[in-house]
C-alpha atoms as a PDB file:
ATOM      1  CA  MET A   1     167.499 104.635  70.744  1.00  0.00           C
ATOM      2  CA  SER A   2     167.796 101.071  71.964  1.00  0.00           C
ATOM      3  CA  MET A   3     169.543 102.391  75.564  1.00  0.00           C
ATOM      4  CA  ARG A   4     166.685 105.467  75.935  1.00  0.00           C
ATOM      5  CA  ILE A   5     163.874 102.883  75.469  1.00  0.00           C
ATOM      6  CA  PHE A   6     165.477 101.023  78.108  1.00  0.00           C
ATOM      7  CA  LYS A   7     165.771 103.828  80.241  1.00  0.00           C
ATOM      8  CA  PHE A   8     162.282 104.795  79.860  1.00  0.00           C
ATOM      9  CA  PHE A   9     161.158 101.037  81.025  1.00  0.00           C
ATOM     10  CA  PHE A  10     163.585 101.547  83.416  1.00  0.00           C
ATOM     11  CA  PHE A  11     162.484 104.367  85.271  1.00  0.00           C
ATOM     12  CA  ALA A  12     158.639 103.830  84.368  1.00  0.00           C
ATOM     13  CA  ILE A  13     159.167 100.356  86.628  1.00  0.00           C
ATOM     14  CA  LEU A  14     161.090 102.283  89.256  1.00  0.00           C
ATOM     15  CA  GLY A  15     157.884 104.585  89.319  1.00  0.00           C
ATOM     16  CA  PHE A  16     155.587 102.004  89.475  1.00  0.00           C
ATOM     17  CA  ILE A  17     157.617 100.451  92.256  1.00  0.00           C
ATOM     18  CA  GLY A  18     157.517 103.532  94.106  1.00  0.00           C
ATOM     19  CA  LEU A  19     153.609 104.608  93.216  1.00  0.00           C
ATOM     20  CA  TYR A  20     153.203 100.805  94.971  1.00  0.00           C
ATOM     21  CA  ILE A  21     155.167 101.205  98.042  1.00  0.00           C
ATOM     22  CA  LEU A  22     153.438 104.594  98.404  1.00  0.00           C
ATOM     23  CA  THR A  23     149.871 103.468  97.963  1.00  0.00           C
ATOM     24  CA  CYS A  24     150.792 100.290 100.517  1.00  0.00           C
ATOM     25  CA  VAL A  25     151.800 103.211 103.406  1.00  0.00           C
ATOM     26  CA  PHE A  26     148.431 104.660 102.986  1.00  0.00           C
ATOM     27  CA  MET A  27     146.514 101.586 102.708  1.00  0.00           C
ATOM     28  CA  PRO A  28     144.435  99.890 105.866  1.00  0.00           C
ATOM     29  CA  SER A  29     147.003  97.482 107.535  1.00  0.00           C
ATOM     30  CA  LYS A  30     143.910  95.176 107.934  1.00  0.00           C
ATOM     31  CA  PHE A  31     142.011  93.158 106.409  1.00  0.00           C
ATOM     32  CA  GLU A  32     137.953  92.243 106.148  1.00  0.00           C
ATOM     33  CA  VAL A  33     135.780  90.738 103.862  1.00  0.00           C
ATOM     34  CA  SER A  34     132.214  89.781 104.686  1.00  0.00           C
ATOM     35  CA  ARG A  35     129.857  88.226 102.948  1.00  0.00           C
ATOM     36  CA  ASP A  36     125.895  86.879 103.714  1.00  0.00           C
ATOM     37  CA  ILE A  37     122.886  84.976 102.446  1.00  0.00           C
ATOM     38  CA  GLU A  38     119.608  84.475 103.509  1.00  0.00           C
ATOM     39  CA  ILE A  39     118.556  80.163 103.838  1.00  0.00           C
ATOM     40  CA  ASN A  40     115.073  79.372 104.009  1.00  0.00           C
ATOM     41  CA  THR A  41     115.253  75.975 106.346  1.00  0.00           C
ATOM     42  CA  ASN A  42     115.307  75.030 110.177  1.00  0.00           C
ATOM     43  CA  PRO A  43     118.414  77.514 111.580  1.00  0.00           C
ATOM     44  CA  LEU A  44     119.647  74.406 113.424  1.00  0.00           C
ATOM     45  CA  ILE A  45     120.392  72.823 110.243  1.00  0.00           C
ATOM     46  CA  VAL A  46     122.490  75.710 108.691  1.00  0.00           C
ATOM     47  CA  TYR A  47     124.643  76.026 112.374  1.00  0.00           C
ATOM     48  CA  ASN A  48     125.123  72.191 112.596  1.00  0.00           C
ATOM     49  CA  GLN A  49     126.849  72.453 108.777  1.00  0.00           C
ATOM     50  CA  VAL A  50     129.161  75.143 109.992  1.00  0.00           C
ATOM     51  CA  ASN A  51     130.080  73.927 113.687  1.00  0.00           C
ATOM     52  CA  ASP A  52     130.562  70.325 112.962  1.00  0.00           C
ATOM     53  CA  PHE A  53     133.933  70.492 110.003  1.00  0.00           C
ATOM     54  CA  HIS A  54     133.140  66.801 108.508  1.00  0.00           C
ATOM     55  CA  ASN A  55     130.057  68.533 106.989  1.00  0.00           C
ATOM     56  CA  TRP A  56     132.086  71.152 105.368  1.00  0.00           C
ATOM     57  CA  LYS A  57     132.872  68.932 102.756  1.00  0.00           C
ATOM     58  CA  ASN A  58     128.881  69.132 101.708  1.00  0.00           C
ATOM     59  CA  TRP A  59     129.074  72.952 100.695  1.00  0.00           C
ATOM     60  CA  GLU A  60     133.266  74.893 100.820  1.00  0.00           C
ATOM     61  CA  SER A  61     133.975  76.051  97.285  1.00  0.00           C
ATOM     62  CA  TRP A  62     137.787  75.457  98.023  1.00  0.00           C
ATOM     63  CA  ALA A  63     136.990  71.544  97.125  1.00  0.00           C
ATOM     64  CA  GLU A  64     135.751  71.995  93.850  1.00  0.00           C
ATOM     65  CA  MET A  65     139.148  74.536  93.203  1.00  0.00           C
ATOM     66  CA  ASP A  66     141.566  71.699  94.036  1.00  0.00           C
ATOM     67  CA  THR A  67     140.707  68.475  93.984  1.00  0.00           C
ATOM     68  CA  THR A  68     144.154  67.350  95.522  1.00  0.00           C
ATOM     69  CA  ILE A  69     142.884  68.655  99.090  1.00  0.00           C
ATOM     70  CA  ILE A  70     143.370  66.123 101.788  1.00  0.00           C
ATOM     71  CA  ASN A  71     141.610  67.027 105.289  1.00  0.00           C
ATOM     72  CA  LYS A  72     142.641  65.576 108.534  1.00  0.00           C
ATOM     73  CA  TYR A  73     140.836  65.742 111.555  1.00  0.00           C
ATOM     74  CA  GLY A  74     141.753  66.317 115.114  1.00  0.00           C
ATOM     75  CA  ASN A  75     140.102  64.219 118.558  1.00  0.00           C
ATOM     76  CA  ILE A  76     137.308  66.440 118.652  1.00  0.00           C
ATOM     77  CA  THR A  77     135.510  68.199 115.238  1.00  0.00           C
ATOM     78  CA  VAL A  78     132.364  69.818 116.226  1.00  0.00           C
ATOM     79  CA  GLY A  79     132.176  73.253 118.272  1.00  0.00           C
ATOM     80  CA  GLU A  80     134.596  74.909 120.392  1.00  0.00           C
ATOM     81  CA  GLY A  81     138.149  72.854 120.352  1.00  0.00           C
ATOM     82  CA  ALA A  82     136.921  71.107 116.943  1.00  0.00           C
ATOM     83  CA  TYR A  83     140.598  71.445 114.558  1.00  0.00           C
ATOM     84  CA  LYS A  84     140.624  70.262 110.904  1.00  0.00           C
ATOM     85  CA  GLU A  85     144.002  70.682 108.977  1.00  0.00           C
ATOM     86  CA  TRP A  86     144.316  70.000 105.240  1.00  0.00           C
ATOM     87  CA  THR A  87     146.976  69.836 102.593  1.00  0.00           C
ATOM     88  CA  ALA A  88     146.339  70.777  98.843  1.00  0.00           C
ATOM     89  CA  GLU A  89     148.291  71.517  95.484  1.00  0.00           C
ATOM     90  CA  LYS A  90     146.463  74.715  94.306  1.00  0.00           C
ATOM     91  CA  VAL A  91     145.249  76.407  97.821  1.00  0.00           C
ATOM     92  CA  GLY A  92     147.922  75.384  99.764  1.00  0.00           C
ATOM     93  CA  ASN A  93     148.173  74.068 103.240  1.00  0.00           C
ATOM     94  CA  GLY A  94     146.619  75.296 106.513  1.00  0.00           C
ATOM     95  CA  ASN A  95     144.569  74.505 110.060  1.00  0.00           C
ATOM     96  CA  MET A  96     141.716  76.241 111.406  1.00  0.00           C
ATOM     97  CA  LYS A  97     140.167  75.619 114.770  1.00  0.00           C
ATOM     98  CA  ILE A  98     136.702  76.557 116.085  1.00  0.00           C
ATOM     99  CA  THR A  99     137.518  79.020 119.543  1.00  0.00           C
ATOM    100  CA  ASN A 100     134.127  79.889 120.524  1.00  0.00           C
ATOM    101  CA  SER A 101     130.782  78.349 119.701  1.00  0.00           C
ATOM    102  CA  LYS A 102     127.526  79.774 120.762  1.00  0.00           C
ATOM    103  CA  LEU A 103     124.026  77.631 119.673  1.00  0.00           C
ATOM    104  CA  LEU A 104     122.151  78.946 116.395  1.00  0.00           C
ATOM    105  CA  GLU A 105     124.352  82.728 117.268  1.00  0.00           C
ATOM    106  CA  GLN A 106     128.196  82.333 116.231  1.00  0.00           C
ATOM    107  CA  ILE A 107     131.260  80.493 115.603  1.00  0.00           C
ATOM    108  CA  ASP A 108     134.930  81.429 116.087  1.00  0.00           C
ATOM    109  CA  PHE A 109     137.691  80.210 113.784  1.00  0.00           C
ATOM    110  CA  GLU A 110     141.463  80.883 114.139  1.00  0.00           C
ATOM    111  CA  ILE A 111     142.488  80.012 110.558  1.00  0.00           C
ATOM    112  CA  SER A 112     146.407  79.877 109.935  1.00  0.00           C
ATOM    113  CA  LEU A 113     148.053  79.225 106.599  1.00  0.00           C
ATOM    114  CA  SER A 114     151.650  78.038 105.071  1.00  0.00           C
ATOM    115  CA  ASP A 115     152.217  81.318 103.191  1.00  0.00           C
ATOM    116  CA  TRP A 116     150.206  83.412 105.474  1.00  0.00           C
ATOM    117  CA  SER A 117     149.737  84.848 108.949  1.00  0.00           C
ATOM    118  CA  THR A 118     147.104  83.503 111.230  1.00  0.00           C
ATOM    119  CA  PHE A 119     143.553  85.009 110.704  1.00  0.00           C
ATOM    120  CA  TYR A 120     140.364  84.946 112.313  1.00  0.00           C
ATOM    121  CA  GLY A 121     137.095  83.991 111.236  1.00  0.00           C
ATOM    122  CA  GLN A 122     133.572  84.410 112.077  1.00  0.00           C
ATOM    123  CA  PHE A 123     129.821  82.891 111.154  1.00  0.00           C
ATOM    124  CA  THR A 124     126.909  84.644 112.350  1.00  0.00           C
ATOM    125  CA  PHE A 125     123.226  83.130 112.600  1.00  0.00           C
ATOM    126  CA  GLU A 126     120.325  85.263 112.785  1.00  0.00           C
ATOM    127  CA  PRO A 127     116.949  83.952 112.961  1.00  0.00           C
ATOM    128  CA  ILE A 128     114.107  85.765 109.993  1.00  0.00           C
ATOM    129  CA  LYS A 129     111.187  84.357 109.010  1.00  0.00           C
ATOM    130  CA  SER A 130     112.197  82.130 106.675  1.00  0.00           C
ATOM    131  CA  GLY A 131     115.129  80.814 108.194  1.00  0.00           C
ATOM    132  CA  VAL A 132     117.869  82.164 108.748  1.00  0.00           C
ATOM    133  CA  LYS A 133     120.469  84.803 107.511  1.00  0.00           C
ATOM    134  CA  VAL A 134     124.489  83.310 107.800  1.00  0.00           C
ATOM    135  CA  SER A 135     126.669  86.222 107.877  1.00  0.00           C
ATOM    136  CA  TRP A 136     130.314  84.773 107.275  1.00  0.00           C
ATOM    137  CA  THR A 137     133.457  87.016 107.956  1.00  0.00           C
ATOM    138  CA  ASP A 138     137.110  86.695 107.881  1.00  0.00           C
ATOM    139  CA  LYS A 139     139.740  89.411 108.757  1.00  0.00           C
ATOM    140  CA  GLY A 140     143.572  89.656 109.833  1.00  0.00           C
ATOM    141  CA  ASP A 141     146.511  91.631 109.132  1.00  0.00           C
ATOM    142  CA  LEU A 142     147.960  92.138 105.773  1.00  0.00           C
ATOM    143  CA  PRO A 143     151.802  91.880 105.425  1.00  0.00           C
ATOM    144  CA  PHE A 144     153.017  95.639 104.194  1.00  0.00           C
ATOM    145  CA  LEU A 145     153.488  94.953 100.405  1.00  0.00           C
ATOM    146  CA  ALA A 146     150.264  93.174 100.339  1.00  0.00           C
ATOM    147  CA  ARG A 147     147.957  95.930 101.501  1.00  0.00           C
ATOM    148  CA  GLY A 148     147.763  97.614  98.104  1.00  0.00           C
ATOM    149  CA  CYS A 149     146.133  94.572  96.746  1.00  0.00           C
ATOM    150  CA  GLY A 150     143.322  94.694  99.737  1.00  0.00           C
ATOM    151  CA  PRO A 151     140.258  95.595  97.503  1.00  0.00           C
ATOM    152  CA  ILE A 152     141.167  92.639  95.135  1.00  0.00           C
ATOM    153  CA  PHE A 153     141.556  90.718  97.714  1.00  0.00           C
ATOM    154  CA  ASP A 154     138.525  91.403  98.812  1.00  0.00           C
ATOM    155  CA  ALA A 155     137.006  90.390  95.419  1.00  0.00           C
ATOM    156  CA  MET A 156     139.039  87.010  95.529  1.00  0.00           C
ATOM    157  CA  MET A 157     137.978  85.569  98.596  1.00  0.00           C
ATOM    158  CA  GLY A 158     134.316  87.372  98.854  1.00  0.00           C
ATOM    159  CA  ALA A 159     133.852  85.510  95.309  1.00  0.00           C
ATOM    160  CA  ASP A 160     134.669  82.345  97.163  1.00  0.00           C
ATOM    161  CA  PHE A 161     132.536  82.898  99.900  1.00  0.00           C
ATOM    162  CA  GLU A 162     129.654  83.485  98.122  1.00  0.00           C
ATOM    163  CA  LYS A 163     130.369  80.055  95.793  1.00  0.00           C
ATOM    164  CA  SER A 164     130.644  78.995  99.489  1.00  0.00           C
ATOM    165  CA  LEU A 165     127.147  80.358 101.144  1.00  0.00           C
ATOM    166  CA  LYS A 166     125.644  79.802  97.796  1.00  0.00           C
ATOM    167  CA  ASN A 167     126.700  75.726  98.210  1.00  0.00           C
ATOM    168  CA  LEU A 168     125.458  75.415 101.932  1.00  0.00           C
ATOM    169  CA  LYS A 169     122.050  77.151 101.381  1.00  0.00           C
ATOM    170  CA  VAL A 170     121.266  74.595  98.278  1.00  0.00           C
ATOM    171  CA  TYR A 171     122.465  71.649 100.617  1.00  0.00           C
ATOM    172  CA  CYS A 172     120.257  72.628 103.625  1.00  0.00           C
ATOM    173  CA  GLU A 173     117.537  73.883 101.624  1.00  0.00           C
ATOM    174  CA  ASN A 174     117.456  70.478  99.601  1.00  0.00           C
ATOM    175  CA  LEU A 175     117.677  68.061 102.613  1.00  0.00           C
ATOM    176  CA  PRO A 176     115.819  64.924 101.873  1.00  0.00           C
ATOM    177  CA  ALA A 177     112.407  64.424 103.659  1.00  0.00           C
ATOM    178  CA  ARG A 178     108.786  63.786 103.281  1.00  0.00           C
ATOM    179  CA  ILE A 179     105.666  62.985 105.418  1.00  0.00           C
ATOM    180  CA  GLU A 180     103.461  59.875 104.996  1.00  0.00           C
ATOM    181  CA  ASN A 181     100.317  58.631 106.695  1.00  0.00           C
ATOM    182  CA  MET A 182      99.563  61.324 108.583  1.00  0.00           C
ATOM    183  CA  GLU A 183      96.561  60.647 111.201  1.00  0.00           C
ATOM    184  CA  VAL A 184      94.785  60.842 114.451  1.00  0.00           C
ATOM    185  CA  THR A 185      95.026  57.172 115.689  1.00  0.00           C
ATOM    186  CA  ILE A 186      93.350  55.919 119.288  1.00  0.00           C
ATOM    187  CA  TRP A 187      96.333  53.672 120.918  1.00  0.00           C
ATOM    188  CA  GLU A 188      96.583  52.221 124.088  1.00  0.00           C
ATOM    189  CA  SER A 189      98.338  52.255 127.550  1.00  0.00           C
ATOM    190  CA  GLN A 190     101.481  50.772 126.603  1.00  0.00           C
ATOM    191  CA  PRO A 191     104.307  49.834 129.251  1.00  0.00           C
ATOM    192  CA  TYR A 192     108.102  51.081 128.318  1.00  0.00           C
ATOM    193  CA  VAL A 193     111.883  50.927 129.877  1.00  0.00           C
ATOM    194  CA  TYR A 194     113.469  54.648 129.400  1.00  0.00           C
ATOM    195  CA  ILE A 195     116.225  56.422 130.662  1.00  0.00           C
ATOM    196  CA  LEU A 196     116.679  59.628 131.570  1.00  0.00           C
ATOM    197  CA  ASP A 197     119.604  61.710 130.555  1.00  0.00           C
ATOM    198  CA  SER A 198     121.031  64.839 128.689  1.00  0.00           C
ATOM    199  CA  CYS A 199     123.558  65.911 126.045  1.00  0.00           C
ATOM    200  CA  LYS A 200     124.786  68.523 123.404  1.00  0.00           C
ATOM    201  CA  ILE A 201     122.931  68.502 120.148  1.00  0.00           C
ATOM    202  CA  SER A 202     125.956  67.367 118.224  1.00  0.00           C
ATOM    203  CA  ASP A 203     126.169  64.257 120.880  1.00  0.00           C
ATOM    204  CA  ILE A 204     122.445  63.291 120.554  1.00  0.00           C
ATOM    205  CA  SER A 205     123.513  59.920 118.330  1.00  0.00           C
ATOM    206  CA  ALA A 206     126.288  58.675 120.651  1.00  0.00           C
ATOM    207  CA  LYS A 207     124.053  59.182 123.871  1.00  0.00           C
ATOM    208  CA  LEU A 208     121.288  57.365 122.324  1.00  0.00           C
ATOM    209  CA  GLY A 209     123.463  54.253 121.000  1.00  0.00           C
ATOM    210  CA  GLU A 210     124.874  54.335 124.985  1.00  0.00           C
ATOM    211  CA  VAL A 211     121.516  54.246 126.489  1.00  0.00           C
ATOM    212  CA  TYR A 212     119.857  51.868 123.953  1.00  0.00           C
ATOM    213  CA  ARG A 213     122.824  49.472 124.503  1.00  0.00           C
ATOM    214  CA  GLU A 214     122.472  49.699 128.014  1.00  0.00           C
ATOM    215  CA  ILE A 215     118.738  48.874 127.928  1.00  0.00           C
ATOM    216  CA  TYR A 216     118.611  46.193 125.463  1.00  0.00           C
ATOM    217  CA  TYR A 217     121.624  44.655 127.499  1.00  0.00           C
ATOM    218  CA  SER A 218     119.476  44.792 130.464  1.00  0.00           C
ATOM    219  CA  LEU A 219     116.176  43.196 128.762  1.00  0.00           C
ATOM    220  CA  ALA A 220     118.433  40.573 127.328  1.00  0.00           C
ATOM    221  CA  ASN A 221     119.483  39.622 130.861  1.00  0.00           C
ATOM    222  CA  GLN A 222     116.069  39.293 132.060  1.00  0.00           C
ATOM    223  CA  GLY A 223     114.773  37.088 128.554  1.00  0.00           C
ATOM    224  CA  ILE A 224     112.642  40.336 127.563  1.00  0.00           C
ATOM    225  CA  MET A 225     112.377  41.563 124.131  1.00  0.00           C
ATOM    226  CA  PRO A 226     111.056  44.668 123.173  1.00  0.00           C
ATOM    227  CA  ILE A 227     108.107  45.042 121.135  1.00  0.00           C
ATOM    228  CA  SER A 228     108.511  47.974 119.021  1.00  0.00           C
ATOM    229  CA  GLN A 229     112.154  50.271 117.519  1.00  0.00           C
ATOM    230  CA  PRO A 230     114.030  52.306 120.152  1.00  0.00           C
ATOM    231  CA  PHE A 231     112.174  55.580 120.698  1.00  0.00           C
ATOM    232  CA  ALA A 232     113.240  58.892 121.862  1.00  0.00           C
ATOM    233  CA  LYS A 233     111.192  61.684 123.760  1.00  0.00           C
ATOM    234  CA  TYR A 234     113.051  65.210 123.889  1.00  0.00           C
ATOM    235  CA  ILE A 235     111.976  66.785 127.102  1.00  0.00           C
ATOM    236  CA  SER A 236     113.828  69.870 126.286  1.00  0.00           C
ATOM    237  CA  PHE A 237     115.584  71.191 123.132  1.00  0.00           C
ATOM    238  CA  PRO A 238     117.266  74.410 122.513  1.00  0.00           C
ATOM    239  CA  HIS A 239     115.534  76.522 120.145  1.00  0.00           C
ATOM    240  CA  ASN A 240     116.936  79.967 120.075  1.00  0.00           C
ATOM    241  CA  PRO A 241     120.046  81.895 119.681  1.00  0.00           C
ATOM    242  CA  GLY A 242     122.010  81.813 123.514  1.00  0.00           C
ATOM    243  CA  ASP A 243     120.067  79.270 124.471  1.00  0.00           C
ATOM    244  CA  LYS A 244     122.245  76.482 126.372  1.00  0.00           C
ATOM    245  CA  ASN A 245     123.370  73.838 124.325  1.00  0.00           C
ATOM    246  CA  LYS A 246     121.838  71.216 126.734  1.00  0.00           C
ATOM    247  CA  VAL A 247     119.571  69.062 125.274  1.00  0.00           C
ATOM    248  CA  ILE A 248     117.142  66.638 127.874  1.00  0.00           C
ATOM    249  CA  LEU A 249     116.006  63.179 126.766  1.00  0.00           C
ATOM    250  CA  GLN A 250     114.178  59.803 127.677  1.00  0.00           C
ATOM    251  CA  ALA A 251     115.313  56.725 125.427  1.00  0.00           C
ATOM    252  CA  GLY A 252     113.792  53.688 125.330  1.00  0.00           C
ATOM    253  CA  ALA A 253     111.881  50.671 124.253  1.00  0.00           C
ATOM    254  CA  PHE A 254     108.289  49.427 124.703  1.00  0.00           C
ATOM    255  CA  ILE A 255     107.821  46.255 126.568  1.00  0.00           C
ATOM    256  CA  GLU A 256     104.719  44.296 126.547  1.00  0.00           C
ATOM    257  CA  SER A 257     104.258  44.374 130.203  1.00  0.00           C
ATOM    258  CA  ALA A 258     105.846  45.863 133.147  1.00  0.00           C
ATOM    259  CA  ILE A 259     108.870  44.713 134.833  1.00  0.00           C
ATOM    260  CA  GLU A 260     110.876  45.517 137.560  1.00  0.00           C
ATOM    261  CA  THR A 261     113.695  47.833 136.877  1.00  0.00           C
ATOM    262  CA  SER A 262     116.717  48.887 138.824  1.00  0.00           C
ATOM    263  CA  GLY A 263     119.718  51.436 138.403  1.00  0.00           C
ATOM    264  CA  ARG A 264     118.944  54.145 136.057  1.00  0.00           C
ATOM    265  CA  ILE A 265     116.467  51.715 133.894  1.00  0.00           C
ATOM    266  CA  GLN A 266     112.846  53.536 134.399  1.00  0.00           C
ATOM    267  CA  ILE A 267     109.183  51.891 133.768  1.00  0.00           C
ATOM    268  CA  GLY A 268     106.601  54.273 132.043  1.00  0.00           C
ATOM    269  CA  ASN A 269     103.389  54.066 130.121  1.00  0.00           C
ATOM    270  CA  SER A 270     102.346  55.805 126.722  1.00  0.00           C
ATOM    271  CA  THR A 271      98.269  57.450 127.777  1.00  0.00           C
ATOM    272  CA  SER A 272      95.549  56.028 126.649  1.00  0.00           C
ATOM    273  CA  GLY A 273      93.267  57.988 123.971  1.00  0.00           C
ATOM    274  CA  ASN A 274      93.444  59.845 121.082  1.00  0.00           C
ATOM    275  CA  THR A 275      97.677  60.390 119.368  1.00  0.00           C
ATOM    276  CA  LEU A 276      98.524  62.136 115.992  1.00  0.00           C
ATOM    277  CA  GLN A 277     100.987  59.725 114.079  1.00  0.00           C
ATOM    278  CA  ALA A 278     103.152  60.319 111.139  1.00  0.00           C
ATOM    279  CA  SER A 279     106.080  58.826 109.061  1.00  0.00           C
ATOM    280  CA  HIS A 280     108.977  61.201 108.978  1.00  0.00           C
ATOM    281  CA  PHE A 281     111.531  59.706 105.836  1.00  0.00           C
ATOM    282  CA  GLY A 282     114.943  61.477 105.531  1.00  0.00           C
ATOM    283  CA  VAL A 283     117.613  62.849 107.661  1.00  0.00           C
ATOM    284  CA  TYR A 284     117.257  63.109 111.065  1.00  0.00           C
ATOM    285  CA  GLU A 285     118.055  66.750 110.657  1.00  0.00           C
ATOM    286  CA  THR A 286     114.913  67.415 108.903  1.00  0.00           C
ATOM    287  CA  ALA A 287     112.411  65.984 111.415  1.00  0.00           C
ATOM    288  CA  SER A 288     111.552  69.470 112.345  1.00  0.00           C
ATOM    289  CA  VAL A 289     109.640  69.414 109.076  1.00  0.00           C
ATOM    290  CA  THR A 290     107.259  66.609 110.029  1.00  0.00           C
ATOM    291  CA  HIS A 291     107.176  68.111 114.011  1.00  0.00           C
ATOM    292  CA  ASP A 292     105.642  71.330 113.046  1.00  0.00           C
ATOM    293  CA  ALA A 293     103.393  70.243 110.208  1.00  0.00           C
ATOM    294  CA  MET A 294     101.773  68.229 112.489  1.00  0.00           C
ATOM    295  CA  LYS A 295     101.805  70.861 114.980  1.00  0.00           C
ATOM    296  CA  LYS A 296     100.023  72.937 112.560  1.00  0.00           C
ATOM    297  CA  TYR A 297      97.172  70.235 111.807  1.00  0.00           C
ATOM    298  CA  CYS A 298      96.679  70.243 115.658  1.00  0.00           C
ATOM    299  CA  LYS A 299      96.471  73.924 115.906  1.00  0.00           C
ATOM    300  CA  ASP A 300      94.296  73.937 112.902  1.00  0.00           C
ATOM    301  CA  SER A 301      91.777  71.268 113.915  1.00  0.00           C
ATOM    302  CA  GLY A 302      91.482  71.849 117.625  1.00  0.00           C
ATOM    303  CA  TYR A 303      93.130  69.259 119.209  1.00  0.00           C
ATOM    304  CA  THR A 304      95.726  70.112 122.240  1.00  0.00           C
ATOM    305  CA  ILE A 305      99.087  68.219 122.256  1.00  0.00           C
ATOM    306  CA  ASN A 306      99.718  66.583 125.513  1.00  0.00           C
ATOM    307  CA  GLY A 307     103.609  66.692 126.578  1.00  0.00           C
ATOM    308  CA  SER A 308     106.285  65.827 124.235  1.00  0.00           C
ATOM    309  CA  ALA A 309     106.370  63.618 120.962  1.00  0.00           C
ATOM    310  CA  TYR A 310     107.769  59.925 120.664  1.00  0.00           C
ATOM    311  CA  GLU A 311     110.301  59.554 117.868  1.00  0.00           C
ATOM    312  CA  ILE A 312     110.374  55.963 117.100  1.00  0.00           C
ATOM    313  CA  TYR A 313     113.234  55.112 114.799  1.00  0.00           C
ATOM    314  CA  ILE A 314     111.254  52.384 112.509  1.00  0.00           C
ATOM    315  CA  THR A 315     115.086  52.418 110.553  1.00  0.00           C
ATOM    316  CA  ASP A 316     118.087  51.497 110.911  1.00  0.00           C
ATOM    317  CA  PRO A 317     120.668  53.670 108.844  1.00  0.00           C
ATOM    318  CA  SER A 318     123.530  50.948 109.173  1.00  0.00           C
ATOM    319  CA  LEU A 319     121.214  48.276 107.047  1.00  0.00           C
ATOM    320  CA  GLU A 320     119.553  51.295 104.727  1.00  0.00           C
ATOM    321  CA  PRO A 321     122.539  53.244 103.264  1.00  0.00           C
ATOM    322  CA  ASN A 322     119.602  55.637 101.579  1.00  0.00           C
ATOM    323  CA  PRO A 323     118.715  58.261 103.626  1.00  0.00           C
ATOM    324  CA  LEU A 324     115.422  58.614 102.041  1.00  0.00           C
ATOM    325  CA  ASN A 325     113.976  55.529 102.834  1.00  0.00           C
ATOM    326  CA  TRP A 326     114.832  56.262 106.877  1.00  0.00           C
ATOM    327  CA  GLU A 327     111.647  56.222 108.383  1.00  0.00           C
ATOM    328  CA  THR A 328     110.616  58.259 111.737  1.00  0.00           C
ATOM    329  CA  LYS A 329     107.575  57.228 113.083  1.00  0.00           C
ATOM    330  CA  VAL A 330     106.382  60.522 115.289  1.00  0.00           C
ATOM    331  CA  VAL A 331     103.766  60.465 117.620  1.00  0.00           C
ATOM    332  CA  TYR A 332     101.995  62.748 119.739  1.00  0.00           C
ATOM    333  CA  GLU A 333      99.559  62.199 122.782  1.00  0.00           C
ATOM    334  CA  LEU A 334      96.447  64.541 122.284  1.00  0.00           C
ATOM    335  CA  ALA A 335      94.579  66.160 125.331  1.00  0.00           C
ATOM    336  CA  ASN A 336      91.411  65.823 123.562  1.00  0.00           C
END
């Protein structure tokens, strides 16, 4: 009897193995897992979360699944050429590289895992009325004996995508931002020194730091003190999918009276008359909330905006750790 039972289970196992191998023959040799979500915020906020590897910690689900993950980053962490690698006890070791990045449109990845062949990922960003629709797709080759698990693979990997995308939505939609003291104010013409420069969106912070150091060093050598915190005016800023990732900006500081300048430092003057001013509190990525509200106010009140806004950076983040207290004063000069 025991021999019959043994033979039964033996042939049953052989049959199962044979059936599984036969299934693998007819199942696709490639996998593709895709999920999407709608996020109700400025698309640039969402794009920057994906395009900068340092931001993935804000939303990826694998850190919740495996607390042993240790990330290491390459010299480039933003945009095309960005690289990171990780070690982890549960999810395994691997690395990822951004191979292509189109502003507000698409980000492509190459992913290598220690126990898997290289495969490829892609995020796409589709503008919608309330914000942006984000689609995340991974695809690659399936080893022969893994083909039979394709549907299970989609369910398991898809669940991770869904969790991460929900985290991304929650994070982006709840970044701290508030507007205070919006009012029409008359101000007098005031001279300022500035440098006209350009950079990618991801390099704005570094570029401003570079320009401010140059300006403040020049003023200090002349014994001149600025009468305000530093400001920036964004002359040209990409907003739409496919736009060239190039920001043209003026960065500088107001001074008491006009001075002689040299090199690339120039002198300018604000325009006397009506301005619409407001204080934005929160991380800089959410400043569009204040800009949009001010533009709506002007439209509803019959005011015409004259040129780009001044963003005066009241708070130094190195001295104030809480982003809720970071104040940026936004000033629009009005034509009427």
